[in-house]
């Protein structure tokens, strides 16, 4: 369980006032991604952001949808859940999604919160999805990271 990094950041009500945040989540593994999606939206709204949200089929579809959202939003949150199986497909998907989201953020110069869980089993996903009794809240963390980064970028631009 992470006890440092984004888990230590806190957004206050009003921190994201006037900010537009998109939350885009995969439908694959919906029991997990629904929780990630809702936690991201809740955190963004509590910080004062105007939030829009969409769903895509799976994790591989996230980068292109996120790229489109980066055209109109101050920050974007991408959520998904990839659970390791018996083939190398897990590694291909995880690497592709991570690379895609990173590339989009850099190319668009828009913060992208990566809330895509890459786990070995279903229990690990439950433990990270932010539901009752979960050890971590990665949907909330992804929204916090994206919004915080947008605030830092805004501050840098003012100097």
Protein backbone atom coordinates (compact mmCIF):
# COMPACT_ATOMS: atom_id res chain seq x y z
CA UNK A 1 0.00 0.00 0.00
CA UNK A 2 1.39 3.38 -1.03
CA UNK A 3 1.98 5.78 1.82
CA UNK A 4 3.69 8.51 -0.15
CA UNK A 5 3.38 10.38 -3.43
CA UNK A 6 -0.09 11.27 -4.64
CA UNK A 7 -1.69 9.60 -1.63
CA UNK A 8 -0.28 12.46 0.44
CA UNK A 9 -1.71 15.21 -1.80
CA UNK A 10 -5.02 16.72 -0.78
CA UNK A 11 -7.22 19.03 -2.79
CA UNK A 12 -9.32 21.54 -0.92
CA UNK A 13 -12.81 22.63 -1.97
CA UNK A 14 -12.40 25.36 -4.55
CA UNK A 15 -8.85 24.40 -5.60
CA UNK A 16 -10.13 23.43 -9.05
CA UNK A 17 -12.68 26.24 -9.38
CA UNK A 18 -13.10 27.10 -13.06
CA UNK A 19 -11.23 24.00 -14.17
CA UNK A 20 -12.73 21.56 -16.68
CA UNK A 21 -11.92 17.90 -15.97
CA UNK A 22 -12.80 14.90 -18.12
CA UNK A 23 -13.06 11.41 -16.62
CA UNK A 24 -12.86 8.55 -19.11
CA UNK A 25 -13.08 4.97 -17.89
CA UNK A 26 -13.04 1.56 -19.50
CA UNK A 27 -16.09 -0.67 -19.26
CA UNK A 28 -14.02 -3.87 -19.13
CA UNK A 29 -13.98 -5.19 -15.54
CA UNK A 30 -16.90 -2.86 -14.81
CA UNK A 31 -17.24 -3.84 -11.14
CA UNK A 32 -13.82 -2.25 -10.61
CA UNK A 33 -13.88 0.52 -13.20
CA UNK A 34 -17.29 1.78 -12.06
CA UNK A 35 -15.78 2.40 -8.63
CA UNK A 36 -12.69 4.10 -10.08
CA UNK A 37 -14.90 6.26 -12.32
CA UNK A 38 -17.15 7.41 -9.48
CA UNK A 39 -14.23 8.15 -7.13
CA UNK A 40 -12.52 10.28 -9.81
CA UNK A 41 -15.69 12.26 -10.44
CA UNK A 42 -16.31 12.77 -6.73
CA UNK A 43 -12.80 14.10 -6.06
CA UNK A 44 -12.89 16.45 -9.04
CA UNK A 45 -16.32 17.83 -8.11
CA UNK A 46 -15.37 18.25 -4.44
CA UNK A 47 -12.37 20.32 -5.58
CA UNK A 48 -14.73 22.56 -7.55
CA UNK A 49 -14.06 21.33 -11.08
CA UNK A 50 -16.66 21.16 -13.80
CA UNK A 51 -16.69 17.45 -14.72
CA UNK A 52 -17.71 15.55 -17.85
CA UNK A 53 -17.39 11.79 -18.14
CA UNK A 54 -17.42 9.06 -20.74
CA UNK A 55 -16.92 5.31 -20.95
CA UNK A 56 -14.95 3.34 -23.57
CA UNK A 57 -14.84 -0.41 -24.18
CA UNK A 58 -11.47 -1.25 -22.65
CA UNK A 59 -8.10 0.03 -21.57
CA UNK A 60 -6.69 0.03 -25.11
CA UNK A 61 -9.36 2.52 -26.17
CA UNK A 62 -8.42 5.02 -23.46
CA UNK A 63 -5.50 6.85 -25.12
CA UNK A 64 -7.41 7.96 -28.22
CA UNK A 65 -10.42 9.13 -26.19
CA UNK A 66 -8.13 10.89 -23.72
CA UNK A 67 -6.31 12.59 -26.62
CA UNK A 68 -9.60 13.99 -27.86
CA UNK A 69 -10.58 15.19 -24.37
CA UNK A 70 -7.23 16.92 -23.95
CA UNK A 71 -8.28 19.30 -26.73
CA UNK A 72 -11.04 20.80 -24.53
CA UNK A 73 -10.23 20.05 -20.88
CA UNK A 74 -7.68 21.31 -18.35
CA UNK A 75 -7.05 17.79 -17.03
CA UNK A 76 -8.15 14.29 -17.96
CA UNK A 77 -8.44 11.16 -15.83
CA UNK A 78 -8.20 7.71 -17.44
CA UNK A 79 -9.40 4.68 -15.48
CA UNK A 80 -9.27 1.01 -16.32
CA UNK A 81 -8.45 -2.40 -14.93
CA UNK A 82 -6.19 -4.96 -16.57
CA UNK A 83 -5.94 -8.29 -14.72
CA UNK A 84 -3.11 -10.66 -15.58
CA UNK A 85 -4.11 -13.83 -17.37
CA UNK A 86 -2.24 -16.82 -18.73
CA UNK A 87 -0.80 -15.11 -21.83
CA UNK A 88 1.51 -12.21 -22.65
CA UNK A 89 -1.53 -10.14 -23.66
CA UNK A 90 -1.48 -8.59 -20.16
CA UNK A 91 1.97 -7.08 -20.67
CA UNK A 92 1.14 -5.86 -24.17
CA UNK A 93 -2.00 -4.10 -22.96
CA UNK A 94 -0.33 -2.61 -19.87
CA UNK A 95 2.66 -1.32 -21.83
CA UNK A 96 0.50 0.05 -24.66
CA UNK A 97 -1.91 1.88 -22.39
CA UNK A 98 0.83 3.35 -20.21
CA UNK A 99 2.82 4.49 -23.23
CA UNK A 100 -0.29 5.84 -24.95
CA UNK A 101 -1.47 7.87 -21.97
CA UNK A 102 2.03 9.26 -21.35
CA UNK A 103 2.43 10.19 -25.00
CA UNK A 104 -0.95 11.92 -25.08
CA UNK A 105 -0.13 13.95 -21.97
CA UNK A 106 3.19 15.07 -23.41
CA UNK A 107 1.91 15.72 -26.94
CA UNK A 108 -1.17 17.62 -25.75
CA UNK A 109 0.59 19.26 -22.78
CA UNK A 110 -2.42 18.36 -20.66
CA UNK A 111 -2.20 16.46 -17.37
CA UNK A 112 -3.53 12.91 -17.61
CA UNK A 113 -4.20 11.06 -14.37
CA UNK A 114 -3.46 7.38 -14.94
CA UNK A 115 -5.99 5.38 -12.96
CA UNK A 116 -5.47 2.17 -14.93
CA UNK A 117 -4.95 -0.69 -12.50
CA UNK A 118 -2.52 -3.36 -13.70
CA UNK A 119 -2.89 -6.21 -11.25
CA UNK A 120 -2.17 -9.90 -10.88
CA UNK A 121 -5.62 -10.86 -9.62
CA UNK A 122 -9.12 -9.60 -8.94
CA UNK A 123 -8.53 -9.13 -5.19
CA UNK A 124 -5.67 -6.73 -5.89
CA UNK A 125 -8.05 -4.69 -8.05
CA UNK A 126 -10.66 -4.57 -5.27
CA UNK A 127 -7.97 -3.50 -2.80
CA UNK A 128 -7.04 -0.52 -5.01
CA UNK A 129 -10.42 0.61 -6.35
CA UNK A 130 -11.45 2.77 -3.38
CA UNK A 131 -14.52 0.83 -2.33
CA UNK A 132 -15.48 -0.09 1.20
CA UNK A 133 -12.49 -1.65 2.95
CA UNK A 134 -10.08 -0.96 0.07
CA UNK A 135 -6.44 -0.32 0.93
CA UNK A 136 -6.08 2.32 -1.78
CA UNK A 137 -8.25 4.67 -3.83
CA UNK A 138 -6.63 4.87 -7.26
CA UNK A 139 -9.58 6.61 -8.92
CA UNK A 140 -9.32 9.42 -6.39
CA UNK A 141 -5.52 9.42 -6.66
CA UNK A 142 -5.64 9.73 -10.47
CA UNK A 143 -8.03 12.68 -10.28
CA UNK A 144 -5.95 14.34 -7.57
CA UNK A 145 -2.74 13.91 -9.58
CA UNK A 146 -4.27 15.32 -12.77
CA UNK A 147 -5.84 18.33 -11.06
CA UNK A 148 -2.76 19.05 -8.97
CA UNK A 149 -0.58 18.91 -12.09
CA UNK A 150 -2.96 21.28 -13.90
CA UNK A 151 -2.68 23.71 -10.99
CA UNK A 152 1.13 23.51 -11.08
CA UNK A 153 1.15 24.07 -14.86
CA UNK A 154 -1.15 27.07 -14.41
CA UNK A 155 1.22 28.47 -11.77
CA UNK A 156 4.27 27.88 -13.98
CA UNK A 157 2.52 29.74 -16.81
CA UNK A 158 1.99 32.74 -14.55
CA UNK A 159 5.75 33.14 -14.01
